[in-house]
Amino acid sequence: VSDTRDLKRTATIDFRFRLADGRLLVDADRLCATIKEYAWWLRDPRF
């Protein structure tokens, strides 16, 4: 992802995040879907 006004300034969001049972977040559908939605809507000025 990048800054809104400077697309060259970037950061990485890795959803392959380990959970407490040893699985990765991408393998836990319900949690992963919520976090990805949050990551998308976080750039919406309403939120």
All heavy atoms as atom14 arrays in JSON, in Angstrom:
{
  "sequence": "VSDTRDLKRTATIDFRFRLADGRLLVDADRLCATIKEYAWWLRDPRF",
  "atom14_mask": [
    [1, 1, 1, 1, 1, 1, 1, 0, 0, 0, 0, 0, 0, 0],
    [1, 1, 1, 1, 1, 1, 0, 0, 0, 0, 0, 0, 0, 0],
    [1, 1, 1, 1, 1, 1, 1, 1, 0, 0, 0, 0, 0, 0],
    [1, 1, 1, 1, 1, 1, 1, 0, 0, 0, 0, 0, 0, 0],
    [1, 1, 1, 1, 1, 1, 1, 1, 1, 1, 1, 0, 0, 0],
    [1, 1, 1, 1, 1, 1, 1, 1, 0, 0, 0, 0, 0, 0],
    [1, 1, 1, 1, 1, 1, 1, 1, 0, 0, 0, 0, 0, 0],
    [1, 1, 1, 1, 1, 1, 1, 1, 1, 0, 0, 0, 0, 0],
    [1, 1, 1, 1, 1, 1, 1, 1, 1, 1, 1, 0, 0, 0],
    [1, 1, 1, 1, 1, 1, 1, 0, 0, 0, 0, 0, 0, 0],
    [1, 1, 1, 1, 1, 0, 0, 0, 0, 0, 0, 0, 0, 0],
    [1, 1, 1, 1, 1, 1, 1, 0, 0, 0, 0, 0, 0, 0],
    [1, 1, 1, 1, 1, 1, 1, 1, 0, 0, 0, 0, 0, 0],
    [1, 1, 1, 1, 1, 1, 1, 1, 0, 0, 0, 0, 0, 0],
    [1, 1, 1, 1, 1, 1, 1, 1, 1, 1, 1, 0, 0, 0],
    [1, 1, 1, 1, 1, 1, 1, 1, 1, 1, 1, 0, 0, 0],
    [1, 1, 1, 1, 1, 1, 1, 1, 1, 1, 1, 0, 0, 0],
    [1, 1, 1, 1, 1, 1, 1, 1, 1, 1, 1, 0, 0, 0],
    [1, 1, 1, 1, 1, 1, 1, 1, 0, 0, 0, 0, 0, 0],
    [1, 1, 1, 1, 1, 0, 0, 0, 0, 0, 0, 0, 0, 0],
    [1, 1, 1, 1, 1, 1, 1, 1, 0, 0, 0, 0, 0, 0],
    [1, 1, 1, 1, 0, 0, 0, 0, 0, 0, 0, 0, 0, 0],
    [1, 1, 1, 1, 1, 1, 1, 1, 1, 1, 1, 0, 0, 0],
    [1, 1, 1, 1, 1, 1, 1, 1, 0, 0, 0, 0, 0, 0],
    [1, 1, 1, 1, 1, 1, 1, 1, 0, 0, 0, 0, 0, 0],
    [1, 1, 1, 1, 1, 1, 1, 0, 0, 0, 0, 0, 0, 0],
    [1, 1, 1, 1, 1, 1, 1, 1, 0, 0, 0, 0, 0, 0],
    [1, 1, 1, 1, 1, 0, 0, 0, 0, 0, 0, 0, 0, 0],
    [1, 1, 1, 1, 1, 1, 1, 1, 0, 0, 0, 0, 0, 0],
    [1, 1, 1, 1, 1, 1, 1, 1, 1, 1, 1, 0, 0, 0],
    [1, 1, 1, 1, 1, 1, 1, 1, 0, 0, 0, 0, 0, 0],
    [1, 1, 1, 1, 1, 1, 0, 0, 0, 0, 0, 0, 0, 0],
    [1, 1, 1, 1, 1, 0, 0, 0, 0, 0, 0, 0, 0, 0],
    [1, 1, 1, 1, 1, 1, 1, 0, 0, 0, 0, 0, 0, 0],
    [1, 1, 1, 1, 1, 1, 1, 1, 0, 0, 0, 0, 0, 0],
    [1, 1, 1, 1, 1, 1, 1, 1, 1, 0, 0, 0, 0, 0],
    [1, 1, 1, 1, 1, 1, 1, 1, 1, 0, 0, 0, 0, 0],
    [1, 1, 1, 1, 1, 1, 1, 1, 1, 1, 1, 1, 0, 0],
    [1, 1, 1, 1, 1, 0, 0, 0, 0, 0, 0, 0, 0, 0],
    [1, 1, 1, 1, 1, 1, 1, 1, 1, 1, 1, 1, 1, 1],
    [1, 1, 1, 1, 1, 1, 1, 1, 1, 1, 1, 1, 1, 1],
    [1, 1, 1, 1, 1, 1, 1, 1, 0, 0, 0, 0, 0, 0],
    [1, 1, 1, 1, 1, 1, 1, 1, 1, 1, 1, 0, 0, 0],
    [1, 1, 1, 1, 1, 1, 1, 1, 0, 0, 0, 0, 0, 0],
    [1, 1, 1, 1, 1, 1, 1, 0, 0, 0, 0, 0, 0, 0],
    [1, 1, 1, 1, 1, 1, 1, 1, 1, 1, 1, 0, 0, 0],
    [1, 1, 1, 1, 1, 1, 1, 1, 1, 1, 1, 0, 0, 0]
  ],
  "atom14_positions": [
    [[0.85, -1.19, 0.0], [0.0, 0.0, 0.0], [0.88, 1.24, 0.0], [2.03, 1.21, 0.45], [-0.95, 0.03, 1.21], [-1.9, -1.15, 1.18], [-0.17, 0.04, 2.52], [0.0, 0.0, 0.0], [0.0, 0.0, 0.0], [0.0, 0.0, 0.0], [0.0, 0.0, 0.0], [0.0, 0.0, 0.0], [0.0, 0.0, 0.0], [0.0, 0.0, 0.0]],
    [[0.35, 2.33, -0.5], [1.14, 3.56, -0.59], [0.38, 4.73, 0.01], [-0.82, 4.65, 0.29], [1.48, 3.86, -2.05], [0.3, 4.09, -2.8], [0.0, 0.0, 0.0], [0.0, 0.0, 0.0], [0.0, 0.0, 0.0], [0.0, 0.0, 0.0], [0.0, 0.0, 0.0], [0.0, 0.0, 0.0], [0.0, 0.0, 0.0], [0.0, 0.0, 0.0]],
    [[1.1, 5.84, 0.17], [0.47, 7.08, 0.61], [-0.53, 7.53, -0.46], [-0.34, 7.27, -1.65], [1.51, 8.17, 0.81], [2.38, 7.94, 2.03], [2.23, 6.87, 2.66], [3.21, 8.81, 2.33], [0.0, 0.0, 0.0], [0.0, 0.0, 0.0], [0.0, 0.0, 0.0], [0.0, 0.0, 0.0], [0.0, 0.0, 0.0], [0.0, 0.0, 0.0]],
    [[-1.55, 8.23, -0.03], [-2.54, 8.73, -0.98], [-1.94, 9.75, -1.93], [-2.23, 9.76, -3.13], [-3.73, 9.36, -0.23], [-4.3, 8.38, 0.64], [-4.8, 9.86, -1.19], [0.0, 0.0, 0.0], [0.0, 0.0, 0.0], [0.0, 0.0, 0.0], [0.0, 0.0, 0.0], [0.0, 0.0, 0.0], [0.0, 0.0, 0.0], [0.0, 0.0, 0.0]],
    [[-1.07, 10.61, -1.41], [-0.52, 11.71, -2.22], [0.87, 11.4, -2.79], [1.4, 12.18, -3.57], [-0.46, 12.99, -1.39], [-1.83, 13.5, -0.98], [-1.73, 14.74, -0.1], [-3.04, 15.24, 0.26], [-3.76, 14.77, 1.27], [-3.29, 13.77, 2.01], [-4.96, 15.27, 1.54], [0.0, 0.0, 0.0], [0.0, 0.0, 0.0], [0.0, 0.0, 0.0]],
    [[1.47, 10.31, -2.37], [2.79, 9.95, -2.88], [2.83, 8.43, -3.05], [3.1, 7.69, -2.1], [3.87, 10.41, -1.9], [5.28, 10.16, -2.43], [5.41, 9.55, -3.51], [6.25, 10.57, -1.76], [0.0, 0.0, 0.0], [0.0, 0.0, 0.0], [0.0, 0.0, 0.0], [0.0, 0.0, 0.0], [0.0, 0.0, 0.0], [0.0, 0.0, 0.0]],
    [[2.57, 7.98, -4.25], [2.45, 6.53, -4.51], [3.78, 5.81, -4.41], [3.81, 4.57, -4.41], [1.83, 6.31, -5.89], [0.42, 6.89, -6.09], [-0.11, 6.53, -7.48], [-0.53, 6.38, -5.01], [0.0, 0.0, 0.0], [0.0, 0.0, 0.0], [0.0, 0.0, 0.0], [0.0, 0.0, 0.0], [0.0, 0.0, 0.0], [0.0, 0.0, 0.0]],
    [[4.89, 6.56, -4.31], [6.19, 5.91, -4.18], [6.49, 5.5, -2.74], [7.37, 4.67, -2.51], [7.28, 6.85, -4.7], [7.19, 7.12, -6.19], [8.3, 8.05, -6.64], [8.21, 8.34, -8.13], [9.29, 9.27, -8.58], [0.0, 0.0, 0.0], [0.0, 0.0, 0.0], [0.0, 0.0, 0.0], [0.0, 0.0, 0.0], [0.0, 0.0, 0.0]],
    [[5.82, 6.1, -1.81], [6.02, 5.75, -0.39], [5.08, 4.6, -0.04], [3.87, 4.78, 0.01], [5.75, 6.96, 0.51], [6.72, 8.11, 0.28], [6.46, 9.24, 1.25], [6.64, 8.81, 2.63], [6.44, 9.6, 3.69], [6.04, 10.85, 3.51], [6.62, 9.14, 4.9], [0.0, 0.0, 0.0], [0.0, 0.0, 0.0], [0.0, 0.0, 0.0]],
    [[5.66, 3.44, 0.2], [4.84, 2.24, 0.37], [5.13, 1.53, 1.68], [6.16, 1.76, 2.33], [5.08, 1.25, -0.79], [6.45, 0.83, -0.76], [4.77, 1.89, -2.12], [0.0, 0.0, 0.0], [0.0, 0.0, 0.0], [0.0, 0.0, 0.0], [0.0, 0.0, 0.0], [0.0, 0.0, 0.0], [0.0, 0.0, 0.0], [0.0, 0.0, 0.0]],
    [[4.22, 0.65, 2.05], [4.37, -0.24, 3.21], [3.71, -1.57, 2.86], [2.87, -1.64, 1.96], [3.73, 0.38, 4.45], [0.0, 0.0, 0.0], [0.0, 0.0, 0.0], [0.0, 0.0, 0.0], [0.0, 0.0, 0.0], [0.0, 0.0, 0.0], [0.0, 0.0, 0.0], [0.0, 0.0, 0.0], [0.0, 0.0, 0.0], [0.0, 0.0, 0.0]],
    [[4.1, -2.6, 3.59], [3.6, -3.94, 3.3], [2.65, -4.42, 4.4], [2.92, -4.23, 5.59], [4.77, -4.95, 3.18], [5.62, -4.52, 2.12], [4.27, -6.34, 2.88], [0.0, 0.0, 0.0], [0.0, 0.0, 0.0], [0.0, 0.0, 0.0], [0.0, 0.0, 0.0], [0.0, 0.0, 0.0], [0.0, 0.0, 0.0], [0.0, 0.0, 0.0]],
    [[1.54, -5.01, 3.98], [0.6, -5.65, 4.9], [0.58, -7.14, 4.54], [0.13, -7.51, 3.45], [-0.81, -5.06, 4.79], [-0.8, -3.56, 5.11], [-1.77, -5.79, 5.73], [-2.14, -2.88, 4.91], [0.0, 0.0, 0.0], [0.0, 0.0, 0.0], [0.0, 0.0, 0.0], [0.0, 0.0, 0.0], [0.0, 0.0, 0.0], [0.0, 0.0, 0.0]],
    [[1.09, -7.97, 5.43], [1.19, -9.41, 5.17], [0.12, -10.13, 5.98], [0.17, -10.16, 7.21], [2.59, -9.91, 5.56], [2.85, -11.33, 5.06], [1.87, -12.02, 4.7], [4.03, -11.74, 5.04], [0.0, 0.0, 0.0], [0.0, 0.0, 0.0], [0.0, 0.0, 0.0], [0.0, 0.0, 0.0], [0.0, 0.0, 0.0], [0.0, 0.0, 0.0]],
    [[-0.86, -10.69, 5.28], [-1.96, -11.39, 5.96], [-1.59, -12.83, 6.33], [-2.42, -13.54, 6.9], [-3.21, -11.38, 5.07], [-3.74, -10.0, 4.8], [-3.5, -9.36, 3.6], [-4.45, -9.32, 5.77], [-3.99, -8.08, 3.34], [-4.94, -8.04, 5.55], [-4.71, -7.42, 4.32], [0.0, 0.0, 0.0], [0.0, 0.0, 0.0], [0.0, 0.0, 0.0]],
    [[-0.36, -13.24, 6.02], [0.09, -14.57, 6.43], [0.61, -14.48, 7.87], [1.78, -14.71, 8.16], [1.18, -15.06, 5.49], [0.72, -15.23, 4.04], [1.87, -15.47, 3.11], [2.83, -14.38, 3.13], [3.94, -14.33, 2.39], [4.2, -15.3, 1.55], [4.76, -13.29, 2.49], [0.0, 0.0, 0.0], [0.0, 0.0, 0.0], [0.0, 0.0, 0.0]],
    [[-0.28, -14.16, 8.74], [0.01, -13.82, 10.13], [-0.35, -15.02, 11.0], [-1.48, -15.53, 10.93], [-0.8, -12.58, 10.52], [-0.49, -11.99, 11.85], [0.55, -11.09, 12.0], [-1.23, -12.34, 12.97], [0.84, -10.53, 13.24], [-0.95, -11.79, 14.2], [0.08, -10.88, 14.34], [0.0, 0.0, 0.0], [0.0, 0.0, 0.0], [0.0, 0.0, 0.0]],
    [[0.58, -15.46, 11.83], [0.35, -16.68, 12.61], [-0.64, -16.43, 13.75], [-0.54, -15.44, 14.47], [1.66, -17.22, 13.17], [1.55, -18.68, 13.66], [2.92, -19.2, 14.08], [3.9, -19.08, 13.02], [4.01, -19.92, 11.99], [3.18, -20.95, 11.89], [4.94, -19.73, 11.09], [0.0, 0.0, 0.0], [0.0, 0.0, 0.0], [0.0, 0.0, 0.0]],
    [[-1.57, -17.37, 13.92], [-2.57, -17.31, 14.99], [-2.19, -18.27, 16.12], [-1.22, -19.02, 16.01], [-3.96, -17.63, 14.43], [-4.44, -16.71, 13.3], [-5.79, -17.18, 12.78], [-4.52, -15.26, 13.77], [0.0, 0.0, 0.0], [0.0, 0.0, 0.0], [0.0, 0.0, 0.0], [0.0, 0.0, 0.0], [0.0, 0.0, 0.0], [0.0, 0.0, 0.0]],
    [[-2.98, -18.26, 17.18], [-2.6, -18.99, 18.39], [-2.65, -20.5, 18.24], [-2.09, -21.21, 19.07], [-3.49, -18.55, 19.56], [0.0, 0.0, 0.0], [0.0, 0.0, 0.0], [0.0, 0.0, 0.0], [0.0, 0.0, 0.0], [0.0, 0.0, 0.0], [0.0, 0.0, 0.0], [0.0, 0.0, 0.0], [0.0, 0.0, 0.0], [0.0, 0.0, 0.0]],
    [[-3.31, -21.01, 17.21], [-3.34, -22.47, 17.01], [-2.29, -22.92, 16.0], [-2.24, -24.1, 15.63], [-4.73, -22.93, 16.55], [-5.08, -22.44, 15.15], [-4.43, -21.48, 14.69], [-6.0, -23.01, 14.54], [0.0, 0.0, 0.0], [0.0, 0.0, 0.0], [0.0, 0.0, 0.0], [0.0, 0.0, 0.0], [0.0, 0.0, 0.0], [0.0, 0.0, 0.0]],
    [[-1.45, -22.0, 15.52], [-0.39, -22.35, 14.59], [-0.73, -22.09, 13.14], [0.15, -22.05, 12.28], [0.0, 0.0, 0.0], [0.0, 0.0, 0.0], [0.0, 0.0, 0.0], [0.0, 0.0, 0.0], [0.0, 0.0, 0.0], [0.0, 0.0, 0.0], [0.0, 0.0, 0.0], [0.0, 0.0, 0.0], [0.0, 0.0, 0.0], [0.0, 0.0, 0.0]],
    [[-2.02, -21.93, 12.83], [-2.41, -21.64, 11.45], [-2.11, -20.18, 11.11], [-1.89, -19.36, 12.0], [-3.89, -21.92, 11.24], [-4.28, -23.38, 11.33], [-5.75, -23.56, 10.98], [-6.59, -22.76, 11.86], [-7.78, -22.27, 11.5], [-8.22, -22.47, 10.27], [-8.5, -21.58, 12.34], [0.0, 0.0, 0.0], [0.0, 0.0, 0.0], [0.0, 0.0, 0.0]],
    [[-2.15, -19.88, 9.84], [-2.0, -18.5, 9.39], [-3.37, -17.85, 9.27], [-4.38, -18.53, 9.07], [-1.27, -18.44, 8.04], [0.14, -19.03, 8.02], [0.75, -18.87, 6.63], [1.03, -18.38, 9.07], [0.0, 0.0, 0.0], [0.0, 0.0, 0.0], [0.0, 0.0, 0.0], [0.0, 0.0, 0.0], [0.0, 0.0, 0.0], [0.0, 0.0, 0.0]],
    [[-3.38, -16.53, 9.36], [-4.64, -15.78, 9.27], [-5.37, -16.09, 7.97], [-6.61, -16.19, 7.96], [-4.34, -14.28, 9.38], [-5.52, -13.33, 9.2], [-6.57, -13.55, 10.29], [-5.05, -11.88, 9.2], [0.0, 0.0, 0.0], [0.0, 0.0, 0.0], [0.0, 0.0, 0.0], [0.0, 0.0, 0.0], [0.0, 0.0, 0.0], [0.0, 0.0, 0.0]],
    [[-4.65, -16.26, 6.87], [-5.3, -16.52, 5.58], [-6.04, -17.85, 5.56], [-6.88, -18.1, 4.69], [-4.26, -16.48, 4.43], [-3.74, -15.07, 4.23], [-3.11, -17.46, 4.7], [0.0, 0.0, 0.0], [0.0, 0.0, 0.0], [0.0, 0.0, 0.0], [0.0, 0.0, 0.0], [0.0, 0.0, 0.0], [0.0, 0.0, 0.0], [0.0, 0.0, 0.0]],
    [[-5.74, -18.72, 6.53], [-6.43, -20.01, 6.62], [-7.63, -19.96, 7.55], [-8.36, -20.94, 7.68], [-5.46, -21.1, 7.09], [-4.29, -21.29, 6.14], [-4.54, -21.23, 4.92], [-3.16, -21.47, 6.62], [0.0, 0.0, 0.0], [0.0, 0.0, 0.0], [0.0, 0.0, 0.0], [0.0, 0.0, 0.0], [0.0, 0.0, 0.0], [0.0, 0.0, 0.0]],
    [[-7.82, -18.83, 8.24], [-8.97, -18.65, 9.13], [-9.93, -17.69, 8.43], [-9.83, -16.47, 8.57], [-8.54, -18.11, 10.48], [0.0, 0.0, 0.0], [0.0, 0.0, 0.0], [0.0, 0.0, 0.0], [0.0, 0.0, 0.0], [0.0, 0.0, 0.0], [0.0, 0.0, 0.0], [0.0, 0.0, 0.0], [0.0, 0.0, 0.0], [0.0, 0.0, 0.0]],
    [[-10.85, -18.25, 7.63], [-11.65, -17.46, 6.71], [-12.38, -16.29, 7.36], [-12.37, -15.17, 6.84], [-12.68, -18.36, 6.01], [-12.01, -19.38, 5.09], [-10.86, -19.13, 4.71], [-12.64, -20.4, 4.77], [0.0, 0.0, 0.0], [0.0, 0.0, 0.0], [0.0, 0.0, 0.0], [0.0, 0.0, 0.0], [0.0, 0.0, 0.0], [0.0, 0.0, 0.0]],
    [[-13.0, -16.53, 8.48], [-13.86, -15.49, 9.07], [-13.03, -14.31, 9.55], [-13.37, -13.14, 9.29], [-14.67, -16.08, 10.22], [-15.49, -17.3, 9.82], [-16.18, -17.92, 11.0], [-17.45, -17.26, 11.29], [-18.36, -17.77, 12.11], [-18.15, -18.94, 12.69], [-19.48, -17.12, 12.33], [0.0, 0.0, 0.0], [0.0, 0.0, 0.0], [0.0, 0.0, 0.0]],
    [[-11.95, -14.59, 10.26], [-11.1, -13.5, 10.75], [-10.42, -12.78, 9.59], [-10.34, -11.55, 9.57], [-10.06, -14.05, 11.72], [-10.57, -14.51, 13.09], [-9.46, -15.18, 13.88], [-11.14, -13.33, 13.89], [0.0, 0.0, 0.0], [0.0, 0.0, 0.0], [0.0, 0.0, 0.0], [0.0, 0.0, 0.0], [0.0, 0.0, 0.0], [0.0, 0.0, 0.0]],
    [[-9.91, -13.55, 8.64], [-9.19, -12.94, 7.52], [-10.11, -12.04, 6.69], [-9.72, -10.94, 6.29], [-8.58, -14.03, 6.64], [-7.5, -13.38, 5.34], [0.0, 0.0, 0.0], [0.0, 0.0, 0.0], [0.0, 0.0, 0.0], [0.0, 0.0, 0.0], [0.0, 0.0, 0.0], [0.0, 0.0, 0.0], [0.0, 0.0, 0.0], [0.0, 0.0, 0.0]],
    [[-11.32, -12.5, 6.44], [-12.27, -11.69, 5.66], [-12.54, -10.37, 6.35], [-12.58, -9.3, 5.72], [-13.57, -12.47, 5.46], [0.0, 0.0, 0.0], [0.0, 0.0, 0.0], [0.0, 0.0, 0.0], [0.0, 0.0, 0.0], [0.0, 0.0, 0.0], [0.0, 0.0, 0.0], [0.0, 0.0, 0.0], [0.0, 0.0, 0.0], [0.0, 0.0, 0.0]],
    [[-12.73, -10.41, 7.69], [-13.0, -9.17, 8.44], [-11.81, -8.23, 8.39], [-11.97, -7.02, 8.17], [-13.34, -9.51, 9.9], [-14.5, -10.34, 9.94], [-13.59, -8.26, 10.71], [0.0, 0.0, 0.0], [0.0, 0.0, 0.0], [0.0, 0.0, 0.0], [0.0, 0.0, 0.0], [0.0, 0.0, 0.0], [0.0, 0.0, 0.0], [0.0, 0.0, 0.0]],
    [[-10.6, -8.76, 8.59], [-9.41, -7.9, 8.62], [-9.13, -7.3, 7.26], [-8.74, -6.12, 7.14], [-8.21, -8.69, 9.17], [-8.44, -8.99, 10.66], [-6.91, -7.91, 8.99], [-7.43, -9.89, 11.28], [0.0, 0.0, 0.0], [0.0, 0.0, 0.0], [0.0, 0.0, 0.0], [0.0, 0.0, 0.0], [0.0, 0.0, 0.0], [0.0, 0.0, 0.0]],
    [[-9.34, -8.07, 6.18], [-9.14, -7.51, 4.84], [-10.17, -6.41, 4.55], [-9.84, -5.37, 3.96], [-9.24, -8.62, 3.79], [-7.94, -9.38, 3.58], [-7.95, -10.09, 2.24], [-6.56, -10.54, 1.86], [-6.5, -11.12, 0.51], [0.0, 0.0, 0.0], [0.0, 0.0, 0.0], [0.0, 0.0, 0.0], [0.0, 0.0, 0.0], [0.0, 0.0, 0.0]],
    [[-11.4, -6.63, 4.97], [-12.42, -5.59, 4.78], [-12.04, -4.33, 5.56], [-12.18, -3.22, 5.06], [-13.78, -6.12, 5.25], [-14.39, -7.17, 4.36], [-15.21, -6.55, 3.25], [-16.12, -5.76, 3.55], [-14.94, -6.85, 2.08], [0.0, 0.0, 0.0], [0.0, 0.0, 0.0], [0.0, 0.0, 0.0], [0.0, 0.0, 0.0], [0.0, 0.0, 0.0]],
    [[-11.57, -4.54, 6.77], [-11.13, -3.39, 7.58], [-9.99, -2.66, 6.88], [-9.99, -1.42, 6.8], [-10.69, -3.86, 8.96], [-10.03, -2.77, 9.78], [-10.81, -1.82, 10.43], [-8.64, -2.68, 9.88], [-10.22, -0.81, 11.18], [-8.05, -1.67, 10.62], [-8.83, -0.74, 11.27], [-8.24, 0.27, 11.99], [0.0, 0.0, 0.0], [0.0, 0.0, 0.0]],
    [[-9.01, -3.42, 6.37], [-7.87, -2.81, 5.7], [-8.3, -2.01, 4.48], [-7.7, -0.97, 4.16], [-6.86, -3.89, 5.29], [0.0, 0.0, 0.0], [0.0, 0.0, 0.0], [0.0, 0.0, 0.0], [0.0, 0.0, 0.0], [0.0, 0.0, 0.0], [0.0, 0.0, 0.0], [0.0, 0.0, 0.0], [0.0, 0.0, 0.0], [0.0, 0.0, 0.0]],
    [[-9.35, -2.46, 3.8], [-9.86, -1.74, 2.63], [-10.6, -0.47, 3.04], [-10.33, 0.63, 2.55], [-10.77, -2.65, 1.8], [-11.52, -1.93, 0.72], [-12.8, -1.44, 0.77], [-11.01, -1.56, -0.57], [-13.13, -0.82, -0.4], [-12.05, -0.88, -1.26], [-9.79, -1.75, -1.22], [-11.9, -0.38, -2.54], [-9.65, -1.26, -2.51], [-10.69, -0.58, -3.16]],
    [[-11.55, -0.6, 3.95], [-12.4, 0.54, 4.31], [-11.7, 1.56, 5.19], [-12.2, 2.67, 5.4], [-13.67, 0.04, 5.0], [-14.6, -0.66, 4.07], [-14.82, -2.0, 3.97], [-15.44, -0.06, 3.07], [-15.73, -2.29, 2.98], [-16.13, -1.1, 2.41], [-15.68, 1.26, 2.68], [-17.03, -0.87, 1.39], [-16.58, 1.49, 1.65], [-17.24, 0.44, 1.02]],
    [[-10.53, 1.2, 5.72], [-9.8, 2.14, 6.57], [-9.39, 3.4, 5.81], [-9.21, 4.46, 6.41], [-8.55, 1.45, 7.15], [-7.79, 2.2, 8.24], [-8.69, 2.46, 9.45], [-6.55, 1.42, 8.67], [0.0, 0.0, 0.0], [0.0, 0.0, 0.0], [0.0, 0.0, 0.0], [0.0, 0.0, 0.0], [0.0, 0.0, 0.0], [0.0, 0.0, 0.0]],
    [[-9.26, 3.3, 4.49], [-8.91, 4.48, 3.69], [-10.13, 5.32, 3.33], [-10.0, 6.37, 2.69], [-8.19, 4.03, 2.41], [-6.75, 3.6, 2.62], [-5.89, 4.76, 3.1], [-4.49, 4.41, 3.19], [-3.59, 4.62, 2.25], [-3.94, 5.18, 1.11], [-2.34, 4.27, 2.43], [0.0, 0.0, 0.0], [0.0, 0.0, 0.0], [0.0, 0.0, 0.0]],
    [[-11.33, 4.86, 3.72], [-12.55, 5.61, 3.44], [-12.66, 6.75, 4.46], [-12.63, 6.51, 5.67], [-13.77, 4.69, 3.55], [-15.05, 5.36, 3.05], [-15.35, 6.48, 3.49], [-15.75, 4.73, 2.22], [0.0, 0.0, 0.0], [0.0, 0.0, 0.0], [0.0, 0.0, 0.0], [0.0, 0.0, 0.0], [0.0, 0.0, 0.0], [0.0, 0.0, 0.0]],
    [[-12.78, 8.03, 4.01], [-12.82, 9.16, 4.95], [-14.0, 9.13, 5.91], [-14.0, 9.85, 6.91], [-12.89, 10.38, 4.02], [-13.38, 9.86, 2.71], [-12.86, 8.46, 2.6], [0.0, 0.0, 0.0], [0.0, 0.0, 0.0], [0.0, 0.0, 0.0], [0.0, 0.0, 0.0], [0.0, 0.0, 0.0], [0.0, 0.0, 0.0], [0.0, 0.0, 0.0]],
    [[-14.99, 8.29, 5.66], [-16.11, 8.16, 6.61], [-15.69, 7.44, 7.88], [-16.36, 7.56, 8.91], [-17.27, 7.41, 5.95], [-18.02, 8.2, 4.89], [-19.01, 7.34, 4.15], [-18.36, 6.32, 3.33], [-19.01, 5.48, 2.54], [-20.33, 5.54, 2.47], [-18.35, 4.59, 1.82], [0.0, 0.0, 0.0], [0.0, 0.0, 0.0], [0.0, 0.0, 0.0]],
    [[-14.6, 6.69, 7.82], [-14.19, 5.89, 8.97], [-12.85, 6.31, 9.57], [-12.58, 6.02, 10.74], [-14.12, 4.41, 8.57], [-15.42, 3.89, 8.01], [-15.51, 3.46, 6.7], [-16.57, 3.86, 8.79], [-16.71, 2.99, 6.18], [-17.77, 3.4, 8.29], [-17.85, 2.97, 6.98], [0.0, 0.0, 0.0], [0.0, 0.0, 0.0], [0.0, 0.0, 0.0]]
  ]
}
